[in-house]
Amino acid sequence: MSQLHLRLPIPPLLERAPELAALAILEAALLASYAELYNGALDGIPRATRVLRANAIIIHARRLAAALAAYRDALEREALRDERVRNRTPF
């Protein structure tokens, strides 16, 4: 299994998507609690252990962050499209 690296959202991203801060805190806490996750030493760890469950939470949190980003992008695109429609001048 590959190493997990802590990925902190940059301030401009947090300004647009503050919920990512909670996911970053969760990921940091899990990585701090389970050094095995950080250094990628998961080989040989029995299935269904706390470490593997923590790893699954991090993976799902990252997927959630990506889904939230896609959702926010879709909202912004729709808002821009609606604004263009409202600002059209009829001829």
PDB file of N, CA and C in Angstrom:
ATOM      1  N   MET A   1       0.842  -1.170   0.000  1.00  0.00           N
ATOM      2  CA  MET A   1       0.000   0.000   0.000  1.00  0.00           C
ATOM      3  C   MET A   1       0.889   1.234   0.000  1.00  0.00           C
ATOM      4  N   SER A   2       0.481   2.246  -0.700  1.00  0.00           N
ATOM      5  CA  SER A   2       1.303   3.448  -0.819  1.00  0.00           C
ATOM      6  C   SER A   2       1.144   4.363   0.392  1.00  0.00           C
ATOM      7  N   GLN A   3       2.113   5.231   0.502  1.00  0.00           N
ATOM      8  CA  GLN A   3       2.138   6.193   1.597  1.00  0.00           C
ATOM      9  C   GLN A   3       1.020   7.213   1.448  1.00  0.00           C
ATOM     10  N   LEU A   4       0.445   7.632   2.550  1.00  0.00           N
ATOM     11  CA  LEU A   4      -0.497   8.744   2.539  1.00  0.00           C
ATOM     12  C   LEU A   4       0.252   9.991   2.964  1.00  0.00           C
ATOM     13  N   HIS A   5       0.009  11.072   2.278  1.00  0.00           N
ATOM     14  CA  HIS A   5       0.611  12.348   2.648  1.00  0.00           C
ATOM     15  C   HIS A   5      -0.506  13.298   3.036  1.00  0.00           C
ATOM     16  N   LEU A   6      -0.244  14.076   4.047  1.00  0.00           N
ATOM     17  CA  LEU A   6      -1.221  15.052   4.499  1.00  0.00           C
ATOM     18  C   LEU A   6      -1.391  16.120   3.429  1.00  0.00           C
ATOM     19  N   ARG A   7      -2.621  16.322   3.004  1.00  0.00           N
ATOM     20  CA  ARG A   7      -2.917  17.321   1.984  1.00  0.00           C
ATOM     21  C   ARG A   7      -3.800  18.390   2.612  1.00  0.00           C
ATOM     22  N   LEU A   8      -3.204  19.526   2.909  1.00  0.00           N
ATOM     23  CA  LEU A   8      -3.970  20.613   3.504  1.00  0.00           C
ATOM     24  C   LEU A   8      -4.486  21.543   2.422  1.00  0.00           C
ATOM     25  N   PRO A   9      -5.760  21.941   2.514  1.00  0.00           N
ATOM     26  CA  PRO A   9      -6.290  22.869   1.518  1.00  0.00           C
ATOM     27  C   PRO A   9      -5.671  24.258   1.694  1.00  0.00           C
ATOM     28  N   ILE A  10      -5.405  24.922   0.584  1.00  0.00           N
ATOM     29  CA  ILE A  10      -4.815  26.262   0.641  1.00  0.00           C
ATOM     30  C   ILE A  10      -5.907  27.282   0.963  1.00  0.00           C
ATOM     31  N   PRO A  11      -5.529  28.424   1.558  1.00  0.00           N
ATOM     32  CA  PRO A  11      -6.528  29.409   1.989  1.00  0.00           C
ATOM     33  C   PRO A  11      -7.554  29.819   0.923  1.00  0.00           C
ATOM     34  N   PRO A  12      -7.168  30.082  -0.337  1.00  0.00           N
ATOM     35  CA  PRO A  12      -8.217  30.449  -1.303  1.00  0.00           C
ATOM     36  C   PRO A  12      -9.264  29.345  -1.486  1.00  0.00           C
ATOM     37  N   LEU A  13      -8.828  28.102  -1.404  1.00  0.00           N
ATOM     38  CA  LEU A  13      -9.768  26.991  -1.524  1.00  0.00           C
ATOM     39  C   LEU A  13     -10.673  26.927  -0.293  1.00  0.00           C
ATOM     40  N   LEU A  14     -10.111  27.165   0.882  1.00  0.00           N
ATOM     41  CA  LEU A  14     -10.922  27.160   2.108  1.00  0.00           C
ATOM     42  C   LEU A  14     -11.934  28.302   2.104  1.00  0.00           C
ATOM     43  N   GLU A  15     -11.571  29.402   1.464  1.00  0.00           N
ATOM     44  CA  GLU A  15     -12.501  30.521   1.370  1.00  0.00           C
ATOM     45  C   GLU A  15     -13.728  30.124   0.552  1.00  0.00           C
ATOM     46  N   ARG A  16     -13.501  29.363  -0.523  1.00  0.00           N
ATOM     47  CA  ARG A  16     -14.591  28.906  -1.373  1.00  0.00           C
ATOM     48  C   ARG A  16     -15.323  27.712  -0.784  1.00  0.00           C
ATOM     49  N   ALA A  17     -14.594  26.852  -0.078  1.00  0.00           N
ATOM     50  CA  ALA A  17     -15.168  25.600   0.426  1.00  0.00           C
ATOM     51  C   ALA A  17     -14.705  25.349   1.859  1.00  0.00           C
ATOM     52  N   PRO A  18     -15.252  26.089   2.817  1.00  0.00           N
ATOM     53  CA  PRO A  18     -14.786  25.955   4.206  1.00  0.00           C
ATOM     54  C   PRO A  18     -14.977  24.572   4.810  1.00  0.00           C
ATOM     55  N   GLU A  19     -15.890  23.779   4.258  1.00  0.00           N
ATOM     56  CA  GLU A  19     -16.110  22.433   4.796  1.00  0.00           C
ATOM     57  C   GLU A  19     -14.898  21.543   4.612  1.00  0.00           C
ATOM     58  N   LEU A  20     -13.995  21.910   3.708  1.00  0.00           N
ATOM     59  CA  LEU A  20     -12.786  21.114   3.506  1.00  0.00           C
ATOM     60  C   LEU A  20     -11.851  21.186   4.715  1.00  0.00           C
ATOM     61  N   ALA A  21     -11.993  22.224   5.529  1.00  0.00           N
ATOM     62  CA  ALA A  21     -11.167  22.337   6.737  1.00  0.00           C
ATOM     63  C   ALA A  21     -11.466  21.176   7.687  1.00  0.00           C
ATOM     64  N   ALA A  22     -12.729  20.834   7.832  1.00  0.00           N
ATOM     65  CA  ALA A  22     -13.100  19.721   8.719  1.00  0.00           C
ATOM     66  C   ALA A  22     -12.518  18.406   8.217  1.00  0.00           C
ATOM     67  N   LEU A  23     -12.544  18.206   6.905  1.00  0.00           N
ATOM     68  CA  LEU A  23     -11.982  16.978   6.346  1.00  0.00           C
ATOM     69  C   LEU A  23     -10.470  16.938   6.537  1.00  0.00           C
ATOM     70  N   ALA A  24      -9.812  18.086   6.397  1.00  0.00           N
ATOM     71  CA  ALA A  24      -8.360  18.145   6.596  1.00  0.00           C
ATOM     72  C   ALA A  24      -7.998  17.852   8.051  1.00  0.00           C
ATOM     73  N   ILE A  25      -8.800  18.354   8.983  1.00  0.00           N
ATOM     74  CA  ILE A  25      -8.555  18.091  10.405  1.00  0.00           C
ATOM     75  C   ILE A  25      -8.725  16.600  10.703  1.00  0.00           C
ATOM     76  N   LEU A  26      -9.770  15.998  10.155  1.00  0.00           N
ATOM     77  CA  LEU A  26     -10.002  14.562  10.346  1.00  0.00           C
ATOM     78  C   LEU A  26      -8.824  13.759   9.808  1.00  0.00           C
ATOM     79  N   GLU A  27      -8.374  14.105   8.598  1.00  0.00           N
ATOM     80  CA  GLU A  27      -7.247  13.387   7.998  1.00  0.00           C
ATOM     81  C   GLU A  27      -5.977  13.553   8.827  1.00  0.00           C
ATOM     82  N   ALA A  28      -5.707  14.773   9.290  1.00  0.00           N
ATOM     83  CA  ALA A  28      -4.505  15.017  10.093  1.00  0.00           C
ATOM     84  C   ALA A  28      -4.552  14.228  11.401  1.00  0.00           C
ATOM     85  N   ALA A  29      -5.723  14.176  12.028  1.00  0.00           N
ATOM     86  CA  ALA A  29      -5.857  13.443  13.291  1.00  0.00           C
ATOM     87  C   ALA A  29      -5.634  11.945  13.083  1.00  0.00           C
ATOM     88  N   LEU A  30      -6.186  11.403  12.009  1.00  0.00           N
ATOM     89  CA  LEU A  30      -6.005   9.972  11.745  1.00  0.00           C
ATOM     90  C   LEU A  30      -4.555   9.650  11.407  1.00  0.00           C
ATOM     91  N   LEU A  31      -3.924  10.506  10.612  1.00  0.00           N
ATOM     92  CA  LEU A  31      -2.514  10.266  10.284  1.00  0.00           C
ATOM     93  C   LEU A  31      -1.639  10.391  11.521  1.00  0.00           C
ATOM     94  N   ALA A  32      -1.983  11.308  12.417  1.00  0.00           N
ATOM     95  CA  ALA A  32      -1.206  11.463  13.651  1.00  0.00           C
ATOM     96  C   ALA A  32      -1.409  10.265  14.579  1.00  0.00           C
ATOM     97  N   SER A  33      -2.589   9.690  14.550  1.00  0.00           N
ATOM     98  CA  SER A  33      -2.891   8.553  15.422  1.00  0.00           C
ATOM     99  C   SER A  33      -2.299   7.240  14.935  1.00  0.00           C
ATOM    100  N   TYR A  34      -2.155   7.114  13.637  1.00  0.00           N
ATOM    101  CA  TYR A  34      -1.701   5.857  13.052  1.00  0.00           C
ATOM    102  C   TYR A  34      -0.526   6.106  12.124  1.00  0.00           C
ATOM    103  N   ALA A  35       0.666   6.023  12.668  1.00  0.00           N
ATOM    104  CA  ALA A  35       1.881   6.265  11.886  1.00  0.00           C
ATOM    105  C   ALA A  35       1.988   5.316  10.705  1.00  0.00           C
ATOM    106  N   GLU A  36       1.389   4.143  10.818  1.00  0.00           N
ATOM    107  CA  GLU A  36       1.421   3.174   9.719  1.00  0.00           C
ATOM    108  C   GLU A  36       0.818   3.758   8.438  1.00  0.00           C
ATOM    109  N   LEU A  37      -0.191   4.590   8.613  1.00  0.00           N
ATOM    110  CA  LEU A  37      -0.823   5.201   7.442  1.00  0.00           C
ATOM    111  C   LEU A  37       0.124   6.174   6.757  1.00  0.00           C
ATOM    112  N   TYR A  38       0.858   6.900   7.567  1.00  0.00           N
ATOM    113  CA  TYR A  38       1.721   7.944   7.017  1.00  0.00           C
ATOM    114  C   TYR A  38       2.923   7.362   6.297  1.00  0.00           C
ATOM    115  N   ASN A  39       3.458   6.265   6.821  1.00  0.00           N
ATOM    116  CA  ASN A  39       4.648   5.699   6.176  1.00  0.00           C
ATOM    117  C   ASN A  39       4.334   4.543   5.241  1.00  0.00           C
ATOM    118  N   GLY A  40       3.056   4.212   5.073  1.00  0.00           N
ATOM    119  CA  GLY A  40       2.654   3.195   4.113  1.00  0.00           C
ATOM    120  C   GLY A  40       2.931   1.769   4.534  1.00  0.00           C
ATOM    121  N   ALA A  41       3.138   1.521   5.825  1.00  0.00           N
ATOM    122  CA  ALA A  41       3.470   0.178   6.315  1.00  0.00           C
ATOM    123  C   ALA A  41       2.210  -0.596   6.686  1.00  0.00           C
ATOM    124  N   LEU A  42       1.310  -0.776   5.717  1.00  0.00           N
ATOM    125  CA  LEU A  42       0.062  -1.478   5.998  1.00  0.00           C
ATOM    126  C   LEU A  42       0.108  -2.947   5.611  1.00  0.00           C
ATOM    127  N   ASP A  43       1.154  -3.363   4.937  1.00  0.00           N
ATOM    128  CA  ASP A  43       1.264  -4.775   4.570  1.00  0.00           C
ATOM    129  C   ASP A  43       1.355  -5.622   5.828  1.00  0.00           C
ATOM    130  N   GLY A  44       0.603  -6.687   5.875  1.00  0.00           N
ATOM    131  CA  GLY A  44       0.649  -7.589   7.014  1.00  0.00           C
ATOM    132  C   GLY A  44      -0.276  -7.207   8.154  1.00  0.00           C
ATOM    133  N   ILE A  45      -0.943  -6.081   8.060  1.00  0.00           N
ATOM    134  CA  ILE A  45      -1.889  -5.690   9.105  1.00  0.00           C
ATOM    135  C   ILE A  45      -3.184  -6.456   8.858  1.00  0.00           C
ATOM    136  N   PRO A  46      -3.703  -7.124   9.880  1.00  0.00           N
ATOM    137  CA  PRO A  46      -4.938  -7.903   9.695  1.00  0.00           C
ATOM    138  C   PRO A  46      -6.092  -7.027   9.216  1.00  0.00           C
ATOM    139  N   ARG A  47      -6.945  -7.644   8.382  1.00  0.00           N
ATOM    140  CA  ARG A  47      -8.111  -6.911   7.885  1.00  0.00           C
ATOM    141  C   ARG A  47      -9.008  -6.518   9.040  1.00  0.00           C
ATOM    142  N   ALA A  48      -9.754  -5.436   8.838  1.00  0.00           N
ATOM    143  CA  ALA A  48     -10.734  -4.934   9.810  1.00  0.00           C
ATOM    144  C   ALA A  48     -10.097  -4.397  11.089  1.00  0.00           C
ATOM    145  N   THR A  49      -8.840  -4.037  11.034  1.00  0.00           N
ATOM    146  CA  THR A  49      -8.232  -3.409  12.203  1.00  0.00           C
ATOM    147  C   THR A  49      -8.511  -1.912  12.179  1.00  0.00           C
ATOM    148  N   ARG A  50      -8.235  -1.255  13.299  1.00  0.00           N
ATOM    149  CA  ARG A  50      -8.449   0.183  13.400  1.00  0.00           C
ATOM    150  C   ARG A  50      -7.655   0.940  12.348  1.00  0.00           C
ATOM    151  N   VAL A  51      -6.444   0.499  12.091  1.00  0.00           N
ATOM    152  CA  VAL A  51      -5.586   1.185  11.124  1.00  0.00           C
ATOM    153  C   VAL A  51      -6.210   1.154   9.733  1.00  0.00           C
ATOM    154  N   LEU A  52      -6.677  -0.005   9.315  1.00  0.00           N
ATOM    155  CA  LEU A  52      -7.275  -0.110   7.984  1.00  0.00           C
ATOM    156  C   LEU A  52      -8.586   0.656   7.904  1.00  0.00           C
ATOM    157  N   ARG A  53      -9.318   0.678   8.989  1.00  0.00           N
ATOM    158  CA  ARG A  53     -10.563   1.466   9.010  1.00  0.00           C
ATOM    159  C   ARG A  53     -10.251   2.956   8.946  1.00  0.00           C
ATOM    160  N   ALA A  54      -9.205   3.389   9.632  1.00  0.00           N
ATOM    161  CA  ALA A  54      -8.784   4.784   9.554  1.00  0.00           C
ATOM    162  C   ALA A  54      -8.349   5.121   8.130  1.00  0.00           C
ATOM    163  N   ASN A  55      -7.636   4.203   7.498  1.00  0.00           N
ATOM    164  CA  ASN A  55      -7.227   4.401   6.115  1.00  0.00           C
ATOM    165  C   ASN A  55      -8.447   4.553   5.203  1.00  0.00           C
ATOM    166  N   ALA A  56      -9.451   3.730   5.424  1.00  0.00           N
ATOM    167  CA  ALA A  56     -10.674   3.816   4.620  1.00  0.00           C
ATOM    168  C   ALA A  56     -11.367   5.163   4.825  1.00  0.00           C
ATOM    169  N   ILE A  57     -11.375   5.657   6.059  1.00  0.00           N
ATOM    170  CA  ILE A  57     -11.989   6.961   6.335  1.00  0.00           C
ATOM    171  C   ILE A  57     -11.265   8.054   5.565  1.00  0.00           C
ATOM    172  N   ILE A  58      -9.942   8.016   5.556  1.00  0.00           N
ATOM    173  CA  ILE A  58      -9.173   9.024   4.818  1.00  0.00           C
ATOM    174  C   ILE A  58      -9.502   8.954   3.327  1.00  0.00           C
ATOM    175  N   ILE A  59      -9.539   7.765   2.796  1.00  0.00           N
ATOM    176  CA  ILE A  59      -9.854   7.609   1.371  1.00  0.00           C
ATOM    177  C   ILE A  59     -11.244   8.160   1.068  1.00  0.00           C
ATOM    178  N   HIS A  60     -12.222   7.832   1.910  1.00  0.00           N
ATOM    179  CA  HIS A  60     -13.574   8.333   1.687  1.00  0.00           C
ATOM    180  C   HIS A  60     -13.662   9.844   1.892  1.00  0.00           C
ATOM    181  N   ALA A  61     -12.913  10.375   2.842  1.00  0.00           N
ATOM    182  CA  ALA A  61     -12.905  11.819   3.056  1.00  0.00           C
ATOM    183  C   ALA A  61     -12.335  12.534   1.833  1.00  0.00           C
ATOM    184  N   ARG A  62     -11.311  11.964   1.232  1.00  0.00           N
ATOM    185  CA  ARG A  62     -10.737  12.570   0.022  1.00  0.00           C
ATOM    186  C   ARG A  62     -11.734  12.504  -1.138  1.00  0.00           C
ATOM    187  N   ARG A  63     -12.454  11.400  -1.233  1.00  0.00           N
ATOM    188  CA  ARG A  63     -13.480  11.294  -2.276  1.00  0.00           C
ATOM    189  C   ARG A  63     -14.602  12.303  -2.037  1.00  0.00           C
ATOM    190  N   LEU A  64     -14.983  12.474  -0.774  1.00  0.00           N
ATOM    191  CA  LEU A  64     -16.007  13.455  -0.433  1.00  0.00           C
ATOM    192  C   LEU A  64     -15.535  14.863  -0.788  1.00  0.00           C
ATOM    193  N   ALA A  65     -14.277  15.164  -0.485  1.00  0.00           N
ATOM    194  CA  ALA A  65     -13.726  16.485  -0.826  1.00  0.00           C
ATOM    195  C   ALA A  65     -13.783  16.715  -2.337  1.00  0.00           C
ATOM    196  N   ALA A  66     -13.454  15.694  -3.110  1.00  0.00           N
ATOM    197  CA  ALA A  66     -13.511  15.818  -4.574  1.00  0.00           C
ATOM    198  C   ALA A  66     -14.958  16.004  -5.045  1.00  0.00           C
ATOM    199  N   ALA A  67     -15.884  15.266  -4.445  1.00  0.00           N
ATOM    200  CA  ALA A  67     -17.295  15.405  -4.817  1.00  0.00           C
ATOM    201  C   ALA A  67     -17.823  16.788  -4.452  1.00  0.00           C
ATOM    202  N   LEU A  68     -17.421  17.299  -3.294  1.00  0.00           N
ATOM    203  CA  LEU A  68     -17.835  18.648  -2.896  1.00  0.00           C
ATOM    204  C   LEU A  68     -17.282  19.697  -3.859  1.00  0.00           C
ATOM    205  N   ALA A  69     -16.043  19.519  -4.280  1.00  0.00           N
ATOM    206  CA  ALA A  69     -15.443  20.468  -5.230  1.00  0.00           C
ATOM    207  C   ALA A  69     -16.204  20.439  -6.554  1.00  0.00           C
ATOM    208  N   ALA A  70     -16.548  19.251  -7.029  1.00  0.00           N
ATOM    209  CA  ALA A  70     -17.301  19.133  -8.279  1.00  0.00           C
ATOM    210  C   ALA A  70     -18.688  19.754  -8.129  1.00  0.00           C
ATOM    211  N   TYR A  71     -19.304  19.557  -6.983  1.00  0.00           N
ATOM    212  CA  TYR A  71     -20.615  20.141  -6.715  1.00  0.00           C
ATOM    213  C   TYR A  71     -20.540  21.667  -6.721  1.00  0.00           C
ATOM    214  N   ARG A  72     -19.536  22.214  -6.032  1.00  0.00           N
ATOM    215  CA  ARG A  72     -19.383  23.671  -6.003  1.00  0.00           C
ATOM    216  C   ARG A  72     -19.116  24.231  -7.394  1.00  0.00           C
ATOM    217  N   ASP A  73     -18.307  23.551  -8.180  1.00  0.00           N
ATOM    218  CA  ASP A  73     -18.045  23.986  -9.552  1.00  0.00           C
ATOM    219  C   ASP A  73     -19.327  23.989 -10.378  1.00  0.00           C
ATOM    220  N   ALA A  74     -20.141  22.949 -10.203  1.00  0.00           N
ATOM    221  CA  ALA A  74     -21.412  22.883 -10.926  1.00  0.00           C
ATOM    222  C   ALA A  74     -22.328  24.029 -10.520  1.00  0.00           C
ATOM    223  N   LEU A  75     -22.377  24.323  -9.229  1.00  0.00           N
ATOM    224  CA  LEU A  75     -23.197  25.448  -8.758  1.00  0.00           C
ATOM    225  C   LEU A  75     -22.732  26.760  -9.376  1.00  0.00           C
ATOM    226  N   GLU A  76     -21.414  26.967  -9.410  1.00  0.00           N
ATOM    227  CA  GLU A  76     -20.878  28.199  -9.987  1.00  0.00           C
ATOM    228  C   GLU A  76     -21.180  28.294 -11.477  1.00  0.00           C
ATOM    229  N   ARG A  77     -21.036  27.188 -12.202  1.00  0.00           N
ATOM    230  CA  ARG A  77     -21.344  27.189 -13.638  1.00  0.00           C
ATOM    231  C   ARG A  77     -22.815  27.512 -13.877  1.00  0.00           C
ATOM    232  N   GLU A  78     -23.697  26.908 -13.077  1.00  0.00           N
ATOM    233  CA  GLU A  78     -25.127  27.173 -13.230  1.00  0.00           C
ATOM    234  C   GLU A  78     -25.459  28.622 -12.907  1.00  0.00           C
ATOM    235  N   ALA A  79     -24.839  29.160 -11.860  1.00  0.00           N
ATOM    236  CA  ALA A  79     -25.084  30.554 -11.492  1.00  0.00           C
ATOM    237  C   ALA A  79     -24.629  31.494 -12.607  1.00  0.00           C
ATOM    238  N   LEU A  80     -23.469  31.228 -13.195  1.00  0.00           N
ATOM    239  CA  LEU A  80     -22.983  32.054 -14.303  1.00  0.00           C
ATOM    240  C   LEU A  80     -23.908  31.945 -15.509  1.00  0.00           C
ATOM    241  N   ARG A  81     -24.364  30.736 -15.811  1.00  0.00           N
ATOM    242  CA  ARG A  81     -25.276  30.544 -16.930  1.00  0.00           C
ATOM    243  C   ARG A  81     -26.584  31.289 -16.688  1.00  0.00           C
ATOM    244  N   ASP A  82     -27.126  31.197 -15.477  1.00  0.00           N
ATOM    245  CA  ASP A  82     -28.376  31.888 -15.155  1.00  0.00           C
ATOM    246  C   ASP A  82     -28.203  33.400 -15.242  1.00  0.00           C
ATOM    247  N   GLU A  83     -27.047  33.891 -14.806  1.00  0.00           N
ATOM    248  CA  GLU A  83     -26.787  35.325 -14.871  1.00  0.00           C
ATOM    249  C   GLU A  83     -26.714  35.802 -16.320  1.00  0.00           C
ATOM    250  N   ARG A  84     -26.066  34.997 -17.176  1.00  0.00           N
ATOM    251  CA  ARG A  84     -26.001  35.366 -18.596  1.00  0.00           C
ATOM    252  C   ARG A  84     -27.386  35.403 -19.212  1.00  0.00           C
ATOM    253  N   VAL A  85     -28.227  34.444 -18.854  1.00  0.00           N
ATOM    254  CA  VAL A  85     -29.591  34.412 -19.384  1.00  0.00           C
ATOM    255  C   VAL A  85     -30.368  35.639 -18.913  1.00  0.00           C
ATOM    256  N   ARG A  86     -30.229  36.017 -17.659  1.00  0.00           N
ATOM    257  CA  ARG A  86     -30.930  37.181 -17.116  1.00  0.00           C
ATOM    258  C   ARG A  86     -30.456  38.486 -17.767  1.00  0.00           C
ATOM    259  N   ASN A  87     -29.168  38.543 -18.113  1.00  0.00           N
ATOM    260  CA  ASN A  87     -28.614  39.784 -18.653  1.00  0.00           C
ATOM    261  C   ASN A  87     -28.730  39.909 -20.165  1.00  0.00           C
ATOM    262  N   ARG A  88     -29.289  38.926 -20.819  1.00  0.00           N
ATOM    263  CA  ARG A  88     -29.478  39.023 -22.277  1.00  0.00           C
ATOM    264  C   ARG A  88     -30.481  40.131 -22.593  1.00  0.00           C
ATOM    265  N   THR A  89     -30.140  40.876 -23.591  1.00  0.00           N
ATOM    266  CA  THR A  89     -31.061  41.922 -24.029  1.00  0.00           C
ATOM    267  C   THR A  89     -31.871  41.392 -25.215  1.00  0.00           C
ATOM    268  N   PRO A  90     -33.180  41.408 -25.099  1.00  0.00           N
ATOM    269  CA  PRO A  90     -34.001  40.925 -26.217  1.00  0.00           C
ATOM    270  C   PRO A  90     -33.950  41.899 -27.385  1.00  0.00           C
ATOM    271  N   PHE A  91     -33.861  41.388 -28.564  1.00  0.00           N
ATOM    272  CA  PHE A  91     -33.833  42.229 -29.765  1.00  0.00           C
ATOM    273  C   PHE A  91     -35.082  42.032 -30.552  1.00  0.00           C
TER     274      PHE A  91
END
